[in-house]
C-alpha atoms as a PDB file:
ATOM      1  CA  UNK A   1     -76.103 -81.394-210.296  1.00  0.00           C
ATOM      2  CA  UNK A   2     -73.532 -84.238-210.247  1.00  0.00           C
ATOM      3  CA  UNK A   3     -69.726 -82.792-210.936  1.00  0.00           C
ATOM      4  CA  UNK A   4     -67.311 -85.565-212.114  1.00  0.00           C
ATOM      5  CA  UNK A   5     -63.209 -85.200-212.119  1.00  0.00           C
ATOM      6  CA  UNK A   6     -61.490 -86.580-214.624  1.00  0.00           C
ATOM      7  CA  UNK A   7     -57.835 -87.085-213.655  1.00  0.00           C
ATOM      8  CA  UNK A   8     -55.289 -87.453-216.683  1.00  0.00           C
ATOM      9  CA  UNK A   9     -51.715 -88.150-216.995  1.00  0.00           C
ATOM     10  CA  UNK A  10     -51.618 -87.270-220.104  1.00  0.00           C
ATOM     11  CA  UNK A  11     -50.801 -84.138-221.573  1.00  0.00           C
ATOM     12  CA  UNK A  12     -52.048 -84.469-224.999  1.00  0.00           C
ATOM     13  CA  UNK A  13     -55.706 -86.373-223.377  1.00  0.00           C
ATOM     14  CA  UNK A  14     -55.991 -83.119-221.088  1.00  0.00           C
ATOM     15  CA  UNK A  15     -55.573 -80.822-224.402  1.00  0.00           C
ATOM     16  CA  UNK A  16     -57.956 -82.532-226.300  1.00  0.00           C
ATOM     17  CA  UNK A  17     -60.724 -82.692-223.123  1.00  0.00           C
ATOM     18  CA  UNK A  18     -59.708 -78.839-221.934  1.00  0.00           C
ATOM     19  CA  UNK A  19     -58.975 -77.634-225.486  1.00  0.00           C
ATOM     20  CA  UNK A  20     -62.754 -75.576-225.652  1.00  0.00           C
ATOM     21  CA  UNK A  21     -62.069 -74.316-222.278  1.00  0.00           C
ATOM     22  CA  UNK A  22     -58.701 -73.050-221.816  1.00  0.00           C
ATOM     23  CA  UNK A  23     -59.149 -71.124-225.568  1.00  0.00           C
ATOM     24  CA  UNK A  24     -62.130 -69.315-224.015  1.00  0.00           C
ATOM     25  CA  UNK A  25     -60.187 -67.944-221.156  1.00  0.00           C
ATOM     26  CA  UNK A  26     -56.619 -67.601-222.276  1.00  0.00           C
ATOM     27  CA  UNK A  27     -55.523 -65.467-220.118  1.00  0.00           C
ATOM     28  CA  UNK A  28     -56.601 -67.576-216.702  1.00  0.00           C
ATOM     29  CA  UNK A  29     -55.353 -70.626-218.533  1.00  0.00           C
ATOM     30  CA  UNK A  30     -52.018 -69.589-219.678  1.00  0.00           C
ATOM     31  CA  UNK A  31     -49.545 -71.565-217.111  1.00  0.00           C
ATOM     32  CA  UNK A  32     -51.709 -74.624-217.482  1.00  0.00           C
ATOM     33  CA  UNK A  33     -52.034 -74.120-221.352  1.00  0.00           C
ATOM     34  CA  UNK A  34     -47.738 -73.213-221.234  1.00  0.00           C
ATOM     35  CA  UNK A  35     -46.590 -76.015-219.309  1.00  0.00           C
ATOM     36  CA  UNK A  36     -48.889 -78.564-220.957  1.00  0.00           C
ATOM     37  CA  UNK A  37     -48.182 -77.314-224.565  1.00  0.00           C
ATOM     38  CA  UNK A  38     -44.464 -77.838-223.821  1.00  0.00           C
ATOM     39  CA  UNK A  39     -44.888 -81.051-222.387  1.00  0.00           C
ATOM     40  CA  UNK A  40     -46.999 -82.209-225.561  1.00  0.00           C
ATOM     41  CA  UNK A  41     -43.770 -80.753-227.409  1.00  0.00           C
ATOM     42  CA  UNK A  42     -41.326 -82.745-225.742  1.00  0.00           C
ATOM     43  CA  UNK A  43     -43.030 -86.002-225.517  1.00  0.00           C
ATOM     44  CA  UNK A  44     -43.787 -85.648-229.486  1.00  0.00           C
ATOM     45  CA  UNK A  45     -39.648 -85.068-229.624  1.00  0.00           C
ATOM     46  CA  UNK A  46     -38.732 -88.116-227.711  1.00  0.00           C
ATOM     47  CA  UNK A  47     -38.365 -86.419-224.792  1.00  0.00           C
ATOM     48  CA  UNK A  48     -38.837 -88.555-220.968  1.00  0.00           C
ATOM     49  CA  UNK A  49     -40.827 -86.547-218.953  1.00  0.00           C
ATOM     50  CA  UNK A  50     -39.540 -85.968-215.740  1.00  0.00           C
ATOM     51  CA  UNK A  51     -39.953 -88.994-212.882  1.00  0.00           C
ATOM     52  CA  UNK A  52     -39.321 -86.976-209.842  1.00  0.00           C
ATOM     53  CA  UNK A  53     -42.641 -85.413-209.041  1.00  0.00           C
ATOM     54  CA  UNK A  54     -46.263 -86.371-209.796  1.00  0.00           C
ATOM     55  CA  UNK A  55     -47.704 -84.920-213.391  1.00  0.00           C
ATOM     56  CA  UNK A  56     -51.256 -85.284-213.967  1.00  0.00           C
ATOM     57  CA  UNK A  57     -54.054 -82.770-214.866  1.00  0.00           C
ATOM     58  CA  UNK A  58     -57.534 -82.652-214.092  1.00  0.00           C
ATOM     59  CA  UNK A  59     -60.473 -82.016-216.047  1.00  0.00           C
ATOM     60  CA  UNK A  60     -63.987 -81.311-214.534  1.00  0.00           C
ATOM     61  CA  UNK A  61     -67.641 -81.729-215.530  1.00  0.00           C
ATOM     62  CA  UNK A  62     -70.870 -81.193-214.886  1.00  0.00           C
ATOM     63  CA  UNK A  63     -73.699 -82.664-216.114  1.00  0.00           C
ATOM     64  CA  UNK A  64     -72.821 -80.876-219.467  1.00  0.00           C
ATOM     65  CA  UNK A  65     -70.191 -83.157-220.759  1.00  0.00           C
ATOM     66  CA  UNK A  66     -67.992 -80.541-221.813  1.00  0.00           C
ATOM     67  CA  UNK A  67     -65.403 -78.816-219.741  1.00  0.00           C
ATOM     68  CA  UNK A  68     -65.826 -76.545-216.844  1.00  0.00           C
ATOM     69  CA  UNK A  69     -62.816 -76.645-215.127  1.00  0.00           C
ATOM     70  CA  UNK A  70     -59.790 -77.596-215.320  1.00  0.00           C
ATOM     71  CA  UNK A  71     -56.408 -77.845-213.451  1.00  0.00           C
ATOM     72  CA  UNK A  72     -52.407 -79.443-213.553  1.00  0.00           C
ATOM     73  CA  UNK A  73     -49.727 -80.693-210.837  1.00  0.00           C
ATOM     74  CA  UNK A  74     -46.628 -80.440-212.612  1.00  0.00           C
ATOM     75  CA  UNK A  75     -42.961 -81.021-211.078  1.00  0.00           C
ATOM     76  CA  UNK A  76     -42.561 -80.071-207.206  1.00  0.00           C
ATOM     77  CA  UNK A  77     -44.528 -76.564-207.522  1.00  0.00           C
ATOM     78  CA  UNK A  78     -48.479 -76.202-206.028  1.00  0.00           C
ATOM     79  CA  UNK A  79     -51.688 -77.108-207.984  1.00  0.00           C
ATOM     80  CA  UNK A  80     -53.052 -74.195-210.192  1.00  0.00           C
END
């Protein structure tokens, strides 16, 4: 089984890729989903993203093209 790690720098693209996984596990995904949705709303309102720290999201896929894992790195906090 091959595992593919897809790193993304756009929260909207991440939501599109990981929506089903996040929706299926809402309690486990609450921090990732909430922070990502906030960043999507901020971008839609024209707010700029912080530039003093890396922001990225991760989608994990196996042989099935659906997402099997997800994560993020935002602000100066640890990876979730």
